[in-house]
Amino acid sequence: MLYAIFCYNSEADVGAMTQEEDAALTAKLRIVEDRLVAGGTLGPSARLQPTTAAKTLRFGPRFQLVDGPFAETKEQLLGFYIVNCATFEDAVDAARVLALPRTSGALEIRPIESFSLGSSLP
């Protein structure tokens, strides 16, 4: 079954990291990601741009495009992983592996109800 693992953290804290700190964290993440890829667990993943780049499309009787994310929160959605695991417990184990290099934040594990590959992106 497919699961989404959403990565939350304080955008201000992550944005305050030096390039060296960010590169070191990214290198540590690549090690654990490669481990999950080798085990056939890790699928697509993405690191999102800051919420200052976000727009929210609100709809009802008419469409309204507003700056920023849908909601203001203490921690922001900064990225996500898609994992293929036999059970929810296996997905939690995968999240634990992905959490190893991190020092703060949270990972939310949520089952995916439906998934479409769409088209191949560049």
PDB file of N, CA and C in Angstrom:
ATOM      1  N   MET A   1       0.846  -1.178   0.000  1.00  0.00           N
ATOM      2  CA  MET A   1       0.000   0.000   0.000  1.00  0.00           C
ATOM      3  C   MET A   1       0.889   1.239   0.000  1.00  0.00           C
ATOM      4  N   LEU A   2       0.387   2.287  -0.629  1.00  0.00           N
ATOM      5  CA  LEU A   2       1.141   3.533  -0.678  1.00  0.00           C
ATOM      6  C   LEU A   2       0.770   4.437   0.497  1.00  0.00           C
ATOM      7  N   TYR A   3       1.789   5.112   1.009  1.00  0.00           N
ATOM      8  CA  TYR A   3       1.619   6.064   2.101  1.00  0.00           C
ATOM      9  C   TYR A   3       2.366   7.341   1.739  1.00  0.00           C
ATOM     10  N   ALA A   4       1.818   8.472   2.161  1.00  0.00           N
ATOM     11  CA  ALA A   4       2.516   9.747   2.054  1.00  0.00           C
ATOM     12  C   ALA A   4       3.126  10.053   3.413  1.00  0.00           C
ATOM     13  N   ILE A   5       4.355  10.498   3.397  1.00  0.00           N
ATOM     14  CA  ILE A   5       5.010  10.966   4.620  1.00  0.00           C
ATOM     15  C   ILE A   5       5.273  12.454   4.413  1.00  0.00           C
ATOM     16  N   PHE A   6       4.522  13.277   5.146  1.00  0.00           N
ATOM     17  CA  PHE A   6       4.631  14.720   5.022  1.00  0.00           C
ATOM     18  C   PHE A   6       5.646  15.240   6.035  1.00  0.00           C
ATOM     19  N   CYS A   7       6.531  16.108   5.588  1.00  0.00           N
ATOM     20  CA  CYS A   7       7.604  16.653   6.427  1.00  0.00           C
ATOM     21  C   CYS A   7       7.239  18.071   6.860  1.00  0.00           C
ATOM     22  N   TYR A   8       7.102  18.257   8.160  1.00  0.00           N
ATOM     23  CA  TYR A   8       6.766  19.559   8.727  1.00  0.00           C
ATOM     24  C   TYR A   8       7.924  20.061   9.583  1.00  0.00           C
ATOM     25  N   ASN A   9       8.152  21.368   9.498  1.00  0.00           N
ATOM     26  CA  ASN A   9       9.150  21.998  10.350  1.00  0.00           C
ATOM     27  C   ASN A   9       8.908  23.499  10.311  1.00  0.00           C
ATOM     28  N   SER A  10       9.588  24.209  11.168  1.00  0.00           N
ATOM     29  CA  SER A  10       9.521  25.664  11.151  1.00  0.00           C
ATOM     30  C   SER A  10      10.308  26.158   9.945  1.00  0.00           C
ATOM     31  N   GLU A  11       9.596  26.795   9.033  1.00  0.00           N
ATOM     32  CA  GLU A  11      10.253  27.319   7.841  1.00  0.00           C
ATOM     33  C   GLU A  11      11.328  28.344   8.212  1.00  0.00           C
ATOM     34  N   ALA A  12      11.082  29.116   9.259  1.00  0.00           N
ATOM     35  CA  ALA A  12      12.064  30.109   9.707  1.00  0.00           C
ATOM     36  C   ALA A  12      13.342  29.424  10.184  1.00  0.00           C
ATOM     37  N   ASP A  13      13.197  28.330  10.942  1.00  0.00           N
ATOM     38  CA  ASP A  13      14.377  27.607  11.433  1.00  0.00           C
ATOM     39  C   ASP A  13      15.164  26.985  10.286  1.00  0.00           C
ATOM     40  N   VAL A  14      14.457  26.357   9.358  1.00  0.00           N
ATOM     41  CA  VAL A  14      15.131  25.726   8.219  1.00  0.00           C
ATOM     42  C   VAL A  14      15.771  26.798   7.338  1.00  0.00           C
ATOM     43  N   GLY A  15      15.068  27.912   7.150  1.00  0.00           N
ATOM     44  CA  GLY A  15      15.603  29.005   6.341  1.00  0.00           C
ATOM     45  C   GLY A  15      16.811  29.674   6.965  1.00  0.00           C
ATOM     46  N   ALA A  16      16.968  29.553   8.282  1.00  0.00           N
ATOM     47  CA  ALA A  16      18.106  30.159   8.978  1.00  0.00           C
ATOM     48  C   ALA A  16      19.366  29.302   8.900  1.00  0.00           C
ATOM     49  N   MET A  17      19.233  28.087   8.382  1.00  0.00           N
ATOM     50  CA  MET A  17      20.409  27.217   8.265  1.00  0.00           C
ATOM     51  C   MET A  17      21.386  27.805   7.248  1.00  0.00           C
ATOM     52  N   THR A  18      22.670  27.656   7.524  1.00  0.00           N
ATOM     53  CA  THR A  18      23.674  28.072   6.549  1.00  0.00           C
ATOM     54  C   THR A  18      23.670  27.082   5.386  1.00  0.00           C
ATOM     55  N   GLN A  19      24.303  27.461   4.283  1.00  0.00           N
ATOM     56  CA  GLN A  19      24.402  26.546   3.142  1.00  0.00           C
ATOM     57  C   GLN A  19      25.129  25.271   3.543  1.00  0.00           C
ATOM     58  N   GLU A  20      26.124  25.406   4.404  1.00  0.00           N
ATOM     59  CA  GLU A  20      26.885  24.241   4.856  1.00  0.00           C
ATOM     60  C   GLU A  20      26.014  23.315   5.703  1.00  0.00           C
ATOM     61  N   GLU A  21      25.215  23.899   6.607  1.00  0.00           N
ATOM     62  CA  GLU A  21      24.315  23.090   7.440  1.00  0.00           C
ATOM     63  C   GLU A  21      23.264  22.385   6.583  1.00  0.00           C
ATOM     64  N   ASP A  22      22.714  23.109   5.608  1.00  0.00           N
ATOM     65  CA  ASP A  22      21.714  22.522   4.717  1.00  0.00           C
ATOM     66  C   ASP A  22      22.329  21.393   3.891  1.00  0.00           C
ATOM     67  N   ALA A  23      23.524  21.606   3.373  1.00  0.00           N
ATOM     68  CA  ALA A  23      24.199  20.572   2.581  1.00  0.00           C
ATOM     69  C   ALA A  23      24.509  19.342   3.430  1.00  0.00           C
ATOM     70  N   ALA A  24      24.916  19.548   4.673  1.00  0.00           N
ATOM     71  CA  ALA A  24      25.221  18.422   5.566  1.00  0.00           C
ATOM     72  C   ALA A  24      23.958  17.621   5.869  1.00  0.00           C
ATOM     73  N   LEU A  25      22.853  18.306   6.145  1.00  0.00           N
ATOM     74  CA  LEU A  25      21.588  17.615   6.403  1.00  0.00           C
ATOM     75  C   LEU A  25      21.128  16.869   5.153  1.00  0.00           C
ATOM     76  N   THR A  26      21.223  17.510   4.003  1.00  0.00           N
ATOM     77  CA  THR A  26      20.823  16.869   2.746  1.00  0.00           C
ATOM     78  C   THR A  26      21.649  15.619   2.490  1.00  0.00           C
ATOM     79  N   ALA A  27      22.940  15.667   2.755  1.00  0.00           N
ATOM     80  CA  ALA A  27      23.802  14.489   2.566  1.00  0.00           C
ATOM     81  C   ALA A  27      23.374  13.349   3.487  1.00  0.00           C
ATOM     82  N   LYS A  28      23.053  13.673   4.738  1.00  0.00           N
ATOM     83  CA  LYS A  28      22.588  12.640   5.677  1.00  0.00           C
ATOM     84  C   LYS A  28      21.247  12.061   5.234  1.00  0.00           C
ATOM     85  N   LEU A  29      20.363  12.925   4.733  1.00  0.00           N
ATOM     86  CA  LEU A  29      19.065  12.447   4.241  1.00  0.00           C
ATOM     87  C   LEU A  29      19.244  11.520   3.045  1.00  0.00           C
ATOM     88  N   ARG A  30      20.175  11.852   2.148  1.00  0.00           N
ATOM     89  CA  ARG A  30      20.413  11.008   0.964  1.00  0.00           C
ATOM     90  C   ARG A  30      20.848   9.599   1.376  1.00  0.00           C
ATOM     91  N   ILE A  31      21.600   9.487   2.439  1.00  0.00           N
ATOM     92  CA  ILE A  31      22.049   8.168   2.905  1.00  0.00           C
ATOM     93  C   ILE A  31      20.855   7.318   3.319  1.00  0.00           C
ATOM     94  N   VAL A  32      19.950   7.883   4.120  1.00  0.00           N
ATOM     95  CA  VAL A  32      18.795   7.092   4.562  1.00  0.00           C
ATOM     96  C   VAL A  32      17.796   6.894   3.426  1.00  0.00           C
ATOM     97  N   GLU A  33      17.670   7.884   2.545  1.00  0.00           N
ATOM     98  CA  GLU A  33      16.793   7.723   1.383  1.00  0.00           C
ATOM     99  C   GLU A  33      17.297   6.594   0.489  1.00  0.00           C
ATOM    100  N   ASP A  34      18.604   6.556   0.244  1.00  0.00           N
ATOM    101  CA  ASP A  34      19.186   5.491  -0.585  1.00  0.00           C
ATOM    102  C   ASP A  34      18.936   4.120   0.029  1.00  0.00           C
ATOM    103  N   ARG A  35      18.973   4.044   1.346  1.00  0.00           N
ATOM    104  CA  ARG A  35      18.698   2.783   2.042  1.00  0.00           C
ATOM    105  C   ARG A  35      17.263   2.318   1.769  1.00  0.00           C
ATOM    106  N   LEU A  36      16.316   3.253   1.801  1.00  0.00           N
ATOM    107  CA  LEU A  36      14.920   2.909   1.537  1.00  0.00           C
ATOM    108  C   LEU A  36      14.680   2.608   0.059  1.00  0.00           C
ATOM    109  N   VAL A  37      15.389   3.294  -0.827  1.00  0.00           N
ATOM    110  CA  VAL A  37      15.287   2.997  -2.264  1.00  0.00           C
ATOM    111  C   VAL A  37      15.791   1.587  -2.525  1.00  0.00           C
ATOM    112  N   ALA A  38      16.923   1.236  -1.939  1.00  0.00           N
ATOM    113  CA  ALA A  38      17.505  -0.100  -2.133  1.00  0.00           C
ATOM    114  C   ALA A  38      16.558  -1.190  -1.638  1.00  0.00           C
ATOM    115  N   GLY A  39      15.774  -0.896  -0.623  1.00  0.00           N
ATOM    116  CA  GLY A  39      14.815  -1.859  -0.092  1.00  0.00           C
ATOM    117  C   GLY A  39      13.490  -1.868  -0.837  1.00  0.00           C
ATOM    118  N   GLY A  40      13.368  -1.034  -1.869  1.00  0.00           N
ATOM    119  CA  GLY A  40      12.143  -0.992  -2.656  1.00  0.00           C
ATOM    120  C   GLY A  40      10.989  -0.276  -1.985  1.00  0.00           C
ATOM    121  N   THR A  41      11.294   0.528  -0.972  1.00  0.00           N
ATOM    122  CA  THR A  41      10.245   1.203  -0.203  1.00  0.00           C
ATOM    123  C   THR A  41       9.981   2.629  -0.673  1.00  0.00           C
ATOM    124  N   LEU A  42      11.038   3.376  -0.971  1.00  0.00           N
ATOM    125  CA  LEU A  42      10.896   4.806  -1.256  1.00  0.00           C
ATOM    126  C   LEU A  42      10.581   5.062  -2.718  1.00  0.00           C
ATOM    127  N   GLY A  43       9.534   5.858  -2.930  1.00  0.00           N
ATOM    128  CA  GLY A  43       9.153   6.292  -4.267  1.00  0.00           C
ATOM    129  C   GLY A  43       9.488   7.764  -4.438  1.00  0.00           C
ATOM    130  N   PRO A  44       8.613   8.507  -5.118  1.00  0.00           N
ATOM    131  CA  PRO A  44       8.873   9.929  -5.355  1.00  0.00           C
ATOM    132  C   PRO A  44       8.962  10.723  -4.050  1.00  0.00           C
ATOM    133  N   SER A  45       9.738  11.796  -4.097  1.00  0.00           N
ATOM    134  CA  SER A  45       9.825  12.712  -2.964  1.00  0.00           C
ATOM    135  C   SER A  45      10.050  14.110  -3.509  1.00  0.00           C
ATOM    136  N   ALA A  46       9.768  15.112  -2.686  1.00  0.00           N
ATOM    137  CA  ALA A  46       9.948  16.491  -3.130  1.00  0.00           C
ATOM    138  C   ALA A  46      10.214  17.393  -1.939  1.00  0.00           C
ATOM    139  N   ARG A  47      11.081  18.371  -2.158  1.00  0.00           N
ATOM    140  CA  ARG A  47      11.291  19.451  -1.195  1.00  0.00           C
ATOM    141  C   ARG A  47      10.590  20.669  -1.779  1.00  0.00           C
ATOM    142  N   LEU A  48       9.697  21.252  -1.021  1.00  0.00           N
ATOM    143  CA  LEU A  48       8.904  22.370  -1.509  1.00  0.00           C
ATOM    144  C   LEU A  48       9.635  23.693  -1.327  1.00  0.00           C
ATOM    145  N   GLN A  49       9.326  24.653  -2.192  1.00  0.00           N
ATOM    146  CA  GLN A  49       9.846  26.002  -2.028  1.00  0.00           C
ATOM    147  C   GLN A  49       9.158  26.644  -0.823  1.00  0.00           C
ATOM    148  N   PRO A  50       9.687  27.764  -0.331  1.00  0.00           N
ATOM    149  CA  PRO A  50       9.097  28.415   0.846  1.00  0.00           C
ATOM    150  C   PRO A  50       7.636  28.817   0.620  1.00  0.00           C
ATOM    151  N   THR A  51       6.920  28.973   1.717  1.00  0.00           N
ATOM    152  CA  THR A  51       5.510  29.356   1.625  1.00  0.00           C
ATOM    153  C   THR A  51       5.330  30.731   0.994  1.00  0.00           C
ATOM    154  N   THR A  52       6.381  31.549   0.977  1.00  0.00           N
ATOM    155  CA  THR A  52       6.286  32.850   0.310  1.00  0.00           C
ATOM    156  C   THR A  52       6.077  32.682  -1.194  1.00  0.00           C
ATOM    157  N   ALA A  53       6.393  31.507  -1.730  1.00  0.00           N
ATOM    158  CA  ALA A  53       6.179  31.223  -3.152  1.00  0.00           C
ATOM    159  C   ALA A  53       4.791  30.637  -3.408  1.00  0.00           C
ATOM    160  N   ALA A  54       4.033  30.380  -2.341  1.00  0.00           N
ATOM    161  CA  ALA A  54       2.737  29.700  -2.473  1.00  0.00           C
ATOM    162  C   ALA A  54       1.608  30.671  -2.794  1.00  0.00           C
ATOM    163  N   LYS A  55       0.631  30.148  -3.481  1.00  0.00           N
ATOM    164  CA  LYS A  55      -0.645  30.825  -3.712  1.00  0.00           C
ATOM    165  C   LYS A  55      -1.721  29.805  -3.371  1.00  0.00           C
ATOM    166  N   THR A  56      -2.814  30.263  -2.816  1.00  0.00           N
ATOM    167  CA  THR A  56      -3.938  29.384  -2.501  1.00  0.00           C
ATOM    168  C   THR A  56      -5.129  29.798  -3.351  1.00  0.00           C
ATOM    169  N   LEU A  57      -5.706  28.822  -4.035  1.00  0.00           N
ATOM    170  CA  LEU A  57      -6.904  29.070  -4.829  1.00  0.00           C
ATOM    171  C   LEU A  57      -8.111  28.694  -3.977  1.00  0.00           C
ATOM    172  N   ARG A  58      -8.864  29.689  -3.594  1.00  0.00           N
ATOM    173  CA  ARG A  58     -10.091  29.461  -2.823  1.00  0.00           C
ATOM    174  C   ARG A  58     -11.255  29.462  -3.809  1.00  0.00           C
ATOM    175  N   PHE A  59     -12.221  28.593  -3.543  1.00  0.00           N
ATOM    176  CA  PHE A  59     -13.347  28.521  -4.469  1.00  0.00           C
ATOM    177  C   PHE A  59     -14.643  28.290  -3.733  1.00  0.00           C
ATOM    178  N   GLY A  60     -15.675  28.577  -4.364  1.00  0.00           N
ATOM    179  CA  GLY A  60     -17.052  28.503  -3.891  1.00  0.00           C
ATOM    180  C   GLY A  60     -17.874  29.039  -5.041  1.00  0.00           C
ATOM    181  N   PRO A  61     -18.610  30.116  -4.804  1.00  0.00           N
ATOM    182  CA  PRO A  61     -19.346  30.703  -5.924  1.00  0.00           C
ATOM    183  C   PRO A  61     -18.404  31.260  -6.996  1.00  0.00           C
ATOM    184  N   ARG A  62     -17.171  31.648  -6.580  1.00  0.00           N
ATOM    185  CA  ARG A  62     -16.182  32.169  -7.539  1.00  0.00           C
ATOM    186  C   ARG A  62     -14.784  31.812  -7.048  1.00  0.00           C
ATOM    187  N   PHE A  63     -13.824  31.903  -7.951  1.00  0.00           N
ATOM    188  CA  PHE A  63     -12.434  31.619  -7.609  1.00  0.00           C
ATOM    189  C   PHE A  63     -11.763  32.866  -7.064  1.00  0.00           C
ATOM    190  N   GLN A  64     -10.879  32.646  -6.061  1.00  0.00           N
ATOM    191  CA  GLN A  64     -10.094  33.748  -5.516  1.00  0.00           C
ATOM    192  C   GLN A  64      -8.690  33.222  -5.264  1.00  0.00           C
ATOM    193  N   LEU A  65      -7.690  33.867  -5.854  1.00  0.00           N
ATOM    194  CA  LEU A  65      -6.296  33.482  -5.673  1.00  0.00           C
ATOM    195  C   LEU A  65      -5.666  34.414  -4.648  1.00  0.00           C
ATOM    196  N   VAL A  66      -5.154  33.833  -3.546  1.00  0.00           N
ATOM    197  CA  VAL A  66      -4.560  34.642  -2.482  1.00  0.00           C
ATOM    198  C   VAL A  66      -3.120  34.208  -2.245  1.00  0.00           C
ATOM    199  N   ASP A  67      -2.305  35.134  -1.784  1.00  0.00           N
ATOM    200  CA  ASP A  67      -0.906  34.834  -1.483  1.00  0.00           C
ATOM    201  C   ASP A  67      -0.804  33.939  -0.266  1.00  0.00           C
ATOM    202  N   GLY A  68       0.191  33.063  -0.296  1.00  0.00           N
ATOM    203  CA  GLY A  68       0.519  32.270   0.876  1.00  0.00           C
ATOM    204  C   GLY A  68      -0.178  30.932   0.933  1.00  0.00           C
ATOM    205  N   PRO A  69       0.141  30.175   1.973  1.00  0.00           N
ATOM    206  CA  PRO A  69      -0.449  28.848   2.146  1.00  0.00           C
ATOM    207  C   PRO A  69      -1.898  28.939   2.621  1.00  0.00           C
ATOM    208  N   PHE A  70      -2.549  27.794   2.658  1.00  0.00           N
ATOM    209  CA  PHE A  70      -3.957  27.709   3.054  1.00  0.00           C
ATOM    210  C   PHE A  70      -4.169  28.190   4.483  1.00  0.00           C
ATOM    211  N   ALA A  71      -3.256  27.829   5.384  1.00  0.00           N
ATOM    212  CA  ALA A  71      -3.421  28.179   6.797  1.00  0.00           C
ATOM    213  C   ALA A  71      -2.089  28.626   7.380  1.00  0.00           C
ATOM    214  N   GLU A  72      -2.149  29.501   8.358  1.00  0.00           N
ATOM    215  CA  GLU A  72      -0.948  29.919   9.076  1.00  0.00           C
ATOM    216  C   GLU A  72      -0.744  28.963  10.237  1.00  0.00           C
ATOM    217  N   THR A  73       0.433  28.354  10.303  1.00  0.00           N
ATOM    218  CA  THR A  73       0.719  27.364  11.335  1.00  0.00           C
ATOM    219  C   THR A  73       2.115  27.582  11.892  1.00  0.00           C
ATOM    220  N   LYS A  74       2.381  26.966  13.043  1.00  0.00           N
ATOM    221  CA  LYS A  74       3.701  27.052  13.670  1.00  0.00           C
ATOM    222  C   LYS A  74       4.743  26.331  12.811  1.00  0.00           C
ATOM    223  N   GLU A  75       4.360  25.169  12.279  1.00  0.00           N
ATOM    224  CA  GLU A  75       5.233  24.404  11.388  1.00  0.00           C
ATOM    225  C   GLU A  75       4.578  24.353  10.018  1.00  0.00           C
ATOM    226  N   GLN A  76       5.400  24.357   8.984  1.00  0.00           N
ATOM    227  CA  GLN A  76       4.892  24.364   7.630  1.00  0.00           C
ATOM    228  C   GLN A  76       5.235  23.050   6.926  1.00  0.00           C
ATOM    229  N   LEU A  77       4.436  22.720   5.916  1.00  0.00           N
ATOM    230  CA  LEU A  77       4.717  21.561   5.077  1.00  0.00           C
ATOM    231  C   LEU A  77       5.891  21.929   4.180  1.00  0.00           C
ATOM    232  N   LEU A  78       7.021  21.244   4.366  1.00  0.00           N
ATOM    233  CA  LEU A  78       8.233  21.569   3.625  1.00  0.00           C
ATOM    234  C   LEU A  78       8.567  20.542   2.551  1.00  0.00           C
ATOM    235  N   GLY A  79       7.936  19.373   2.609  1.00  0.00           N
ATOM    236  CA  GLY A  79       8.212  18.351   1.609  1.00  0.00           C
ATOM    237  C   GLY A  79       7.423  17.094   1.896  1.00  0.00           C
ATOM    238  N   PHE A  80       7.620  16.092   1.048  1.00  0.00           N
ATOM    239  CA  PHE A  80       6.913  14.828   1.243  1.00  0.00           C
ATOM    240  C   PHE A  80       7.651  13.687   0.562  1.00  0.00           C
ATOM    241  N   TYR A  81       7.334  12.493   1.015  1.00  0.00           N
ATOM    242  CA  TYR A  81       7.812  11.244   0.429  1.00  0.00           C
ATOM    243  C   TYR A  81       6.600  10.376   0.131  1.00  0.00           C
ATOM    244  N   ILE A  82       6.720   9.512  -0.866  1.00  0.00           N
ATOM    245  CA  ILE A  82       5.746   8.453  -1.111  1.00  0.00           C
ATOM    246  C   ILE A  82       6.480   7.142  -0.855  1.00  0.00           C
ATOM    247  N   VAL A  83       5.911   6.305   0.008  1.00  0.00           N
ATOM    248  CA  VAL A  83       6.527   5.011   0.309  1.00  0.00           C
ATOM    249  C   VAL A  83       5.528   3.898   0.009  1.00  0.00           C
ATOM    250  N   ASN A  84       6.062   2.748  -0.358  1.00  0.00           N
ATOM    251  CA  ASN A  84       5.252   1.564  -0.630  1.00  0.00           C
ATOM    252  C   ASN A  84       5.560   0.550   0.458  1.00  0.00           C
ATOM    253  N   CYS A  85       4.593   0.332   1.347  1.00  0.00           N
ATOM    254  CA  CYS A  85       4.798  -0.539   2.505  1.00  0.00           C
ATOM    255  C   CYS A  85       3.631  -1.512   2.634  1.00  0.00           C
ATOM    256  N   ALA A  86       3.913  -2.684   3.149  1.00  0.00           N
ATOM    257  CA  ALA A  86       2.879  -3.707   3.316  1.00  0.00           C
ATOM    258  C   ALA A  86       1.864  -3.317   4.385  1.00  0.00           C
ATOM    259  N   THR A  87       2.325  -2.651   5.437  1.00  0.00           N
ATOM    260  CA  THR A  87       1.440  -2.300   6.548  1.00  0.00           C
ATOM    261  C   THR A  87       1.707  -0.867   7.005  1.00  0.00           C
ATOM    262  N   PHE A  88       0.778  -0.341   7.788  1.00  0.00           N
ATOM    263  CA  PHE A  88       0.969   0.985   8.364  1.00  0.00           C
ATOM    264  C   PHE A  88       2.197   0.998   9.266  1.00  0.00           C
ATOM    265  N   GLU A  89       2.410  -0.081  10.005  1.00  0.00           N
ATOM    266  CA  GLU A  89       3.576  -0.172  10.894  1.00  0.00           C
ATOM    267  C   GLU A  89       4.875  -0.092  10.091  1.00  0.00           C
ATOM    268  N   ASP A  90       4.893  -0.703   8.904  1.00  0.00           N
ATOM    269  CA  ASP A  90       6.074  -0.605   8.039  1.00  0.00           C
ATOM    270  C   ASP A  90       6.286   0.835   7.568  1.00  0.00           C
ATOM    271  N   ALA A  91       5.190   1.546   7.304  1.00  0.00           N
ATOM    272  CA  ALA A  91       5.296   2.951   6.908  1.00  0.00           C
ATOM    273  C   ALA A  91       5.841   3.792   8.060  1.00  0.00           C
ATOM    274  N   VAL A  92       5.417   3.481   9.275  1.00  0.00           N
ATOM    275  CA  VAL A  92       5.951   4.174  10.455  1.00  0.00           C
ATOM    276  C   VAL A  92       7.444   3.888  10.586  1.00  0.00           C
ATOM    277  N   ASP A  93       7.848   2.647  10.353  1.00  0.00           N
ATOM    278  CA  ASP A  93       9.274   2.305  10.399  1.00  0.00           C
ATOM    279  C   ASP A  93      10.056   3.090   9.349  1.00  0.00           C
ATOM    280  N   ALA A  94       9.494   3.234   8.150  1.00  0.00           N
ATOM    281  CA  ALA A  94      10.153   4.022   7.100  1.00  0.00           C
ATOM    282  C   ALA A  94      10.284   5.475   7.543  1.00  0.00           C
ATOM    283  N   ALA A  95       9.237   6.010   8.170  1.00  0.00           N
ATOM    284  CA  ALA A  95       9.294   7.385   8.671  1.00  0.00           C
ATOM    285  C   ALA A  95      10.363   7.526   9.750  1.00  0.00           C
ATOM    286  N   ARG A  96      10.502   6.513  10.586  1.00  0.00           N
ATOM    287  CA  ARG A  96      11.555   6.558  11.621  1.00  0.00           C
ATOM    288  C   ARG A  96      12.941   6.638  10.980  1.00  0.00           C
ATOM    289  N   VAL A  97      13.140   5.889   9.910  1.00  0.00           N
ATOM    290  CA  VAL A  97      14.425   5.939   9.197  1.00  0.00           C
ATOM    291  C   VAL A  97      14.636   7.339   8.625  1.00  0.00           C
ATOM    292  N   LEU A  98      13.588   7.906   8.011  1.00  0.00           N
ATOM    293  CA  LEU A  98      13.699   9.246   7.433  1.00  0.00           C
ATOM    294  C   LEU A  98      13.890  10.319   8.502  1.00  0.00           C
ATOM    295  N   ALA A  99      13.485  10.033   9.732  1.00  0.00           N
ATOM    296  CA  ALA A  99      13.633  10.996  10.827  1.00  0.00           C
ATOM    297  C   ALA A  99      15.040  11.009  11.414  1.00  0.00           C
ATOM    298  N   LEU A 100      15.818   9.962  11.173  1.00  0.00           N
ATOM    299  CA  LEU A 100      17.130   9.830  11.825  1.00  0.00           C
ATOM    300  C   LEU A 100      18.026  11.065  11.680  1.00  0.00           C
ATOM    301  N   PRO A 101      18.182  11.647  10.487  1.00  0.00           N
ATOM    302  CA  PRO A 101      19.086  12.799  10.370  1.00  0.00           C
ATOM    303  C   PRO A 101      18.505  14.102  10.910  1.00  0.00           C
ATOM    304  N   ARG A 102      17.238  14.124  11.197  1.00  0.00           N
ATOM    305  CA  ARG A 102      16.554  15.365  11.576  1.00  0.00           C
ATOM    306  C   ARG A 102      16.682  15.624  13.080  1.00  0.00           C
ATOM    307  N   THR A 103      16.688  16.904  13.447  1.00  0.00           N
ATOM    308  CA  THR A 103      16.787  17.263  14.861  1.00  0.00           C
ATOM    309  C   THR A 103      15.516  17.928  15.377  1.00  0.00           C
ATOM    310  N   SER A 104      14.601  18.270  14.471  1.00  0.00           N
ATOM    311  CA  SER A 104      13.345  18.903  14.884  1.00  0.00           C
ATOM    312  C   SER A 104      12.296  18.666  13.805  1.00  0.00           C
ATOM    313  N   GLY A 105      11.068  19.069  14.119  1.00  0.00           N
ATOM    314  CA  GLY A 105       9.990  18.928  13.154  1.00  0.00           C
ATOM    315  C   GLY A 105       9.138  17.714  13.429  1.00  0.00           C
ATOM    316  N   ALA A 106       8.355  17.330  12.428  1.00  0.00           N
ATOM    317  CA  ALA A 106       7.454  16.188  12.555  1.00  0.00           C
ATOM    318  C   ALA A 106       7.239  15.558  11.189  1.00  0.00           C
ATOM    319  N   LEU A 107       6.975  14.259  11.198  1.00  0.00           N
ATOM    320  CA  LEU A 107       6.624  13.534   9.983  1.00  0.00           C
ATOM    321  C   LEU A 107       5.224  12.962  10.174  1.00  0.00           C
ATOM    322  N   GLU A 108       4.334  13.284   9.270  1.00  0.00           N
ATOM    323  CA  GLU A 108       2.962  12.763   9.300  1.00  0.00           C
ATOM    324  C   GLU A 108       2.859  11.629   8.288  1.00  0.00           C
ATOM    325  N   ILE A 109       2.340  10.490   8.715  1.00  0.00           N
ATOM    326  CA  ILE A 109       2.179   9.330   7.842  1.00  0.00           C
ATOM    327  C   ILE A 109       0.693   9.188   7.543  1.00  0.00           C
ATOM    328  N   ARG A 110       0.360   9.166   6.241  1.00  0.00           N
ATOM    329  CA  ARG A 110      -1.050   9.073   5.869  1.00  0.00           C
ATOM    330  C   ARG A 110      -1.219   8.105   4.702  1.00  0.00           C
ATOM    331  N   PRO A 111      -2.140   7.138   4.824  1.00  0.00           N
ATOM    332  CA  PRO A 111      -2.397   6.220   3.710  1.00  0.00           C
ATOM    333  C   PRO A 111      -2.904   6.986   2.486  1.00  0.00           C
ATOM    334  N   ILE A 112      -2.479   6.544   1.315  1.00  0.00           N
ATOM    335  CA  ILE A 112      -2.938   7.134   0.057  1.00  0.00           C
ATOM    336  C   ILE A 112      -4.108   6.305  -0.455  1.00  0.00           C
ATOM    337  N   GLU A 113      -5.219   6.976  -0.687  1.00  0.00           N
ATOM    338  CA  GLU A 113      -6.415   6.275  -1.151  1.00  0.00           C
ATOM    339  C   GLU A 113      -6.333   5.947  -2.633  1.00  0.00           C
ATOM    340  N   SER A 114      -5.867   6.898  -3.429  1.00  0.00           N
ATOM    341  CA  SER A 114      -5.696   6.632  -4.855  1.00  0.00           C
ATOM    342  C   SER A 114      -4.465   7.373  -5.337  1.00  0.00           C
ATOM    343  N   PHE A 115      -3.857   6.835  -6.382  1.00  0.00           N
ATOM    344  CA  PHE A 115      -2.600   7.382  -6.875  1.00  0.00           C
ATOM    345  C   PHE A 115      -2.593   7.262  -8.385  1.00  0.00           C
ATOM    346  N   SER A 116      -2.229   8.330  -9.061  1.00  0.00           N
ATOM    347  CA  SER A 116      -2.117   8.331 -10.515  1.00  0.00           C
ATOM    348  C   SER A 116      -0.737   8.839 -10.889  1.00  0.00           C
ATOM    349  N   LEU A 117      -0.084   8.148 -11.784  1.00  0.00           N
ATOM    350  CA  LEU A 117       1.244   8.574 -12.217  1.00  0.00           C
ATOM    351  C   LEU A 117       1.182   9.816 -13.090  1.00  0.00           C
ATOM    352  N   GLY A 118       0.048  10.064 -13.730  1.00  0.00           N
ATOM    353  CA  GLY A 118      -0.033  11.206 -14.628  1.00  0.00           C
ATOM    354  C   GLY A 118       0.943  11.025 -15.767  1.00  0.00           C
ATOM    355  N   SER A 119       1.570  12.104 -16.191  1.00  0.00           N
ATOM    356  CA  SER A 119       2.560  12.009 -17.256  1.00  0.00           C
ATOM    357  C   SER A 119       3.947  12.186 -16.675  1.00  0.00           C
ATOM    358  N   SER A 120       4.921  11.832 -17.457  1.00  0.00           N
ATOM    359  CA  SER A 120       6.307  11.976 -17.026  1.00  0.00           C
ATOM    360  C   SER A 120       6.683  13.453 -17.029  1.00  0.00           C
ATOM    361  N   LEU A 121       7.269  13.918 -15.951  1.00  0.00           N
ATOM    362  CA  LEU A 121       7.679  15.318 -15.842  1.00  0.00           C
ATOM    363  C   LEU A 121       9.179  15.439 -16.050  1.00  0.00           C
ATOM    364  N   PRO A 122       9.622  16.599 -16.505  1.00  0.00           N
ATOM    365  CA  PRO A 122      11.082  16.779 -16.713  1.00  0.00           C
ATOM    366  C   PRO A 122      11.844  16.774 -15.414  1.00  0.00           C
TER     367      PRO A 122
END
